[in-house]
C-alpha cells in the first residue's frame, strides 16, 4: 500500500511570465496556462485518483479543473495550499522591492525561513499551514494517487519540510517551474521524492516558454 501525492504547480499567469511577486494576488491563467492545464489532464486523467486537493486561488483551480472534470473528481479546496503571502511586495519586481525595502529584502534573501516579506509570511508559517493539509491527506487516505495543486513557494516549502531540507534554503535547493509535476510517495520509511519539476506532459513549445 503506497500513497502518492502528485504535486502540481499551477500553469502560466502574467505574473509568472513577467517575474513579479504574486502570492495573495489572484490572476487567472494565460491562454498558454490553460493549454498547460489541459495537457496535464490529457496525460494524467486516466490514473486511478482518490482525491484532489486544491489551493483556493483562481490560478490553481483553473489548473486543476480539466483533470478533475475528466477524472470526475471534486476539488477539495484547502486554504493551507495557497501561495505564500508577499505582503506589500505583491505585484512588485525584485528590483522594486530592493529599492523600497532593502533591509527586509536582504534579510529575506539570507534567511526566508524566519524573515518574511514586509507584511507577509515566513516559510515557517507556510510550512505549518500546508503540513495540516498533508496530515489530513495521510490520515484519511491510506494508498492510491492524490492530486495536490498549489504554488511555487508553497510546494518548495512543503518538500523541504517533508524531506528534511533546511526551510531557509527552499529558494536555493528546489526548482518548481510552472505546470510542473512532482511525485512524493509515503512508505514505511516516510516520504520519498520520486519525481521533481517534471514537465514532460507539456508540448515542447510550452516547456520552452520564458518565465519564473
Protein backbone atom coordinates (compact mmCIF):
# COMPACT_ATOMS: atom_id res chain seq x y z
CA UNK A 1 0.00 0.00 0.00
CA UNK A 2 1.57 3.26 -1.16
CA UNK A 3 0.12 6.75 -1.06
CA UNK A 4 1.38 9.02 -3.84
CA UNK A 5 0.92 12.76 -3.93
CA UNK A 6 1.02 14.32 -7.39
CA UNK A 7 2.16 17.85 -6.56
CA UNK A 8 1.35 20.28 -9.37
CA UNK A 9 2.31 23.92 -9.63
CA UNK A 10 -0.32 25.98 -11.43
CA UNK A 11 0.08 26.93 -15.08
CA UNK A 12 1.34 30.19 -16.50
CA UNK A 13 -0.06 33.56 -15.35
CA UNK A 14 1.02 37.07 -16.32
CA UNK A 15 2.94 37.24 -13.02
CA UNK A 16 4.87 34.00 -13.63
CA UNK A 17 5.56 35.18 -17.17
CA UNK A 18 6.82 38.63 -16.18
CA UNK A 19 8.53 37.81 -12.88
CA UNK A 20 6.72 39.92 -10.28
CA UNK A 21 5.96 38.57 -6.82
CA UNK A 22 2.49 37.02 -6.84
CA UNK A 23 1.23 35.46 -3.63
CA UNK A 24 -2.15 36.56 -2.35
CA UNK A 25 -2.98 38.15 -5.71
CA UNK A 26 -5.43 36.23 -7.84
CA UNK A 27 -4.55 36.41 -11.55
CA UNK A 28 -6.10 33.86 -13.91
CA UNK A 29 -4.15 31.57 -16.19
CA UNK A 30 -2.99 32.95 -19.51
CA UNK A 31 -4.04 31.17 -22.68
CA UNK A 32 -0.77 29.23 -22.52
CA UNK A 33 -1.50 28.40 -18.88
CA UNK A 34 -4.87 26.97 -19.88
CA UNK A 35 -3.15 24.84 -22.51
CA UNK A 36 -0.75 23.61 -19.82
CA UNK A 37 -3.67 22.62 -17.61
CA UNK A 38 -5.29 20.70 -20.46
CA UNK A 39 -2.01 18.93 -21.28
CA UNK A 40 -1.75 17.82 -17.66
CA UNK A 41 -5.28 16.44 -17.80
CA UNK A 42 -4.73 14.67 -21.12
CA UNK A 43 -1.69 12.89 -19.68
CA UNK A 44 -2.85 12.00 -16.19
CA UNK A 45 -6.66 11.97 -16.05
CA UNK A 46 -6.82 8.19 -16.53
CA UNK A 47 -4.90 7.41 -13.35
CA UNK A 48 -6.87 5.83 -10.52
CA UNK A 49 -7.35 9.01 -8.47
CA UNK A 50 -8.50 9.02 -4.85
CA UNK A 51 -8.93 12.77 -4.34
CA UNK A 52 -7.89 16.25 -5.46
CA UNK A 53 -6.76 18.94 -3.01
CA UNK A 54 -6.51 22.42 -4.48
CA UNK A 55 -5.50 25.92 -3.40
CA UNK A 56 -8.40 28.41 -3.25
CA UNK A 57 -6.62 30.80 -5.63
CA UNK A 58 -8.02 31.04 -9.16
CA UNK A 59 -4.85 30.00 -10.99
CA UNK A 60 -4.69 26.73 -9.04
CA UNK A 61 -8.37 25.92 -9.54
CA UNK A 62 -8.13 26.66 -13.26
CA UNK A 63 -5.13 24.31 -13.47
CA UNK A 64 -6.95 21.51 -11.64
CA UNK A 65 -10.26 21.90 -13.43
CA UNK A 66 -9.59 19.99 -16.71
CA UNK A 67 -8.12 16.97 -14.91
CA UNK A 68 -10.84 16.97 -12.24
CA UNK A 69 -13.51 17.23 -14.91
CA UNK A 70 -12.10 14.38 -16.99
CA UNK A 71 -11.44 12.18 -13.94
CA UNK A 72 -14.77 13.11 -12.29
CA UNK A 73 -13.06 14.41 -9.15
CA UNK A 74 -14.44 17.03 -6.80
CA UNK A 75 -11.92 19.68 -5.79
CA UNK A 76 -11.24 19.75 -2.06
CA UNK A 77 -10.33 23.41 -1.59
CA UNK A 78 -7.86 23.97 1.25
CA UNK A 79 -6.61 27.36 2.39
CA UNK A 80 -3.37 25.79 3.58
CA UNK A 81 -2.35 25.26 -0.05
CA UNK A 82 -2.49 28.93 -1.04
CA UNK A 83 0.70 30.73 -2.05
CA UNK A 84 2.99 32.49 0.41
CA UNK A 85 1.77 35.99 1.26
CA UNK A 86 4.25 38.54 -0.08
CA UNK A 87 2.67 41.40 1.88
CA UNK A 88 3.36 44.80 0.38
CA UNK A 89 5.80 43.24 -2.11
CA UNK A 90 2.80 41.87 -4.01
CA UNK A 91 2.99 42.61 -7.76
CA UNK A 92 6.42 44.24 -7.40
CA UNK A 93 9.63 43.10 -9.07
CA UNK A 94 12.76 42.16 -7.11
CA UNK A 95 14.42 45.43 -8.20
CA UNK A 96 11.46 47.44 -6.94
CA UNK A 97 11.48 45.65 -3.60
CA UNK A 98 15.23 46.13 -3.25
CA UNK A 99 14.78 49.87 -3.82
CA UNK A 100 11.91 50.33 -1.38
CA UNK A 101 12.56 47.73 1.37
CA UNK A 102 16.26 46.96 1.14
CA UNK A 103 16.85 45.68 4.69
CA UNK A 104 13.77 43.44 4.74
CA UNK A 105 14.65 42.12 1.31
CA UNK A 106 18.25 41.31 2.22
CA UNK A 107 17.13 39.57 5.42
CA UNK A 108 14.60 37.53 3.44
CA UNK A 109 17.17 36.52 0.84
CA UNK A 110 19.56 35.42 3.57
CA UNK A 111 17.05 33.56 5.75
CA UNK A 112 13.50 33.27 4.38
CA UNK A 113 12.54 30.59 6.91
CA UNK A 114 12.13 33.17 9.67
CA UNK A 115 12.25 36.52 7.85
CA UNK A 116 9.04 37.26 5.92
CA UNK A 117 8.49 39.68 3.08
CA UNK A 118 7.37 43.02 4.52
CA UNK A 119 3.90 42.39 5.93
CA UNK A 120 3.85 38.82 4.59
CA UNK A 121 4.55 35.24 5.67
CA UNK A 122 7.74 33.43 6.55
CA UNK A 123 8.48 29.93 5.27
CA UNK A 124 7.93 28.59 8.80
CA UNK A 125 4.37 29.91 8.77
CA UNK A 126 3.69 28.42 5.33
CA UNK A 127 5.16 25.07 6.39
CA UNK A 128 2.86 25.00 9.39
CA UNK A 129 -0.34 25.55 7.43
CA UNK A 130 0.50 23.29 4.49
CA UNK A 131 1.55 20.48 6.84
CA UNK A 132 -2.01 20.38 8.18
CA UNK A 133 -3.27 19.60 4.67
CA UNK A 134 -0.70 16.82 4.25
CA UNK A 135 -1.66 15.45 7.65
CA UNK A 136 -5.32 15.41 6.61
CA UNK A 137 -4.46 13.50 3.43
CA UNK A 138 -2.23 10.91 5.09
CA UNK A 139 -4.72 10.30 7.91
CA UNK A 140 -7.73 9.82 5.62
CA UNK A 141 -6.28 8.15 2.50
CA UNK A 142 -4.18 5.05 3.03
CA UNK A 143 -3.00 4.42 -0.52
CA UNK A 144 -3.50 5.47 -4.12
CA UNK A 145 -2.99 8.69 -6.07
CA UNK A 146 -3.89 12.13 -4.75
CA UNK A 147 -3.68 15.32 -6.80
CA UNK A 148 -2.40 18.42 -4.98
CA UNK A 149 -2.44 21.69 -6.94
CA UNK A 150 -0.67 24.62 -5.33
CA UNK A 151 2.04 27.22 -5.90
CA UNK A 152 5.78 27.68 -6.37
CA UNK A 153 6.90 28.72 -2.89
CA UNK A 154 4.31 26.62 -1.07
CA UNK A 155 5.31 23.41 -2.86
CA UNK A 156 9.02 24.04 -2.39
CA UNK A 157 8.47 24.68 1.32
CA UNK A 158 6.30 21.56 1.59
CA UNK A 159 9.03 19.41 0.03
CA UNK A 160 11.78 20.87 2.19
CA UNK A 161 9.70 20.27 5.31
CA UNK A 162 8.93 16.65 4.44
CA UNK A 163 12.38 15.75 3.12
CA UNK A 164 14.42 17.27 5.94
CA UNK A 165 15.88 20.15 3.92
CA UNK A 166 16.53 23.42 5.76
CA UNK A 167 13.49 25.64 5.19
CA UNK A 168 15.80 28.61 4.83
CA UNK A 169 17.11 27.08 1.60
CA UNK A 170 13.79 26.41 -0.11
CA UNK A 171 14.51 29.08 -2.75
CA UNK A 172 18.01 27.71 -3.45
CA UNK A 173 17.60 23.94 -3.44
CA UNK A 174 14.36 23.16 -5.30
CA UNK A 175 13.17 24.31 -8.71
CA UNK A 176 9.43 24.39 -9.42
CA UNK A 177 8.59 25.64 -12.94
CA UNK A 178 5.02 26.45 -13.96
CA UNK A 179 2.73 23.48 -14.64
CA UNK A 180 5.38 21.09 -13.36
CA UNK A 181 4.67 17.80 -11.59
CA UNK A 182 6.50 16.35 -8.61
CA UNK A 183 5.61 12.98 -7.08
CA UNK A 184 6.01 12.19 -3.40
CA UNK A 185 5.26 8.71 -2.07
CA UNK A 186 4.76 7.58 1.50
CA UNK A 187 6.01 4.18 2.59
CA UNK A 188 7.26 2.50 5.75
CA UNK A 189 10.33 4.77 5.77
CA UNK A 190 8.37 8.01 5.37
CA UNK A 191 8.12 10.42 2.42
CA UNK A 192 10.19 9.68 -0.69
CA UNK A 193 10.65 12.05 -3.64
CA UNK A 194 10.10 10.08 -6.85
CA UNK A 195 9.94 12.92 -9.36
CA UNK A 196 10.69 16.66 -9.23
CA UNK A 197 9.62 19.51 -11.52
CA UNK A 198 8.69 17.23 -14.42
CA UNK A 199 7.11 18.91 -17.46
CA UNK A 200 7.28 16.06 -19.94
CA UNK A 201 3.49 16.18 -20.22
CA UNK A 202 3.74 19.61 -21.88
CA UNK A 203 4.30 20.16 -25.61
CA UNK A 204 7.80 21.48 -26.36
CA UNK A 205 6.56 24.96 -27.24
CA UNK A 206 5.02 25.28 -23.76
CA UNK A 207 8.04 23.84 -21.95
CA UNK A 208 10.32 26.38 -23.64
CA UNK A 209 8.35 29.49 -22.68
CA UNK A 210 10.28 32.01 -20.59
CA UNK A 211 9.07 32.75 -17.09
CA UNK A 212 9.57 32.09 -13.40
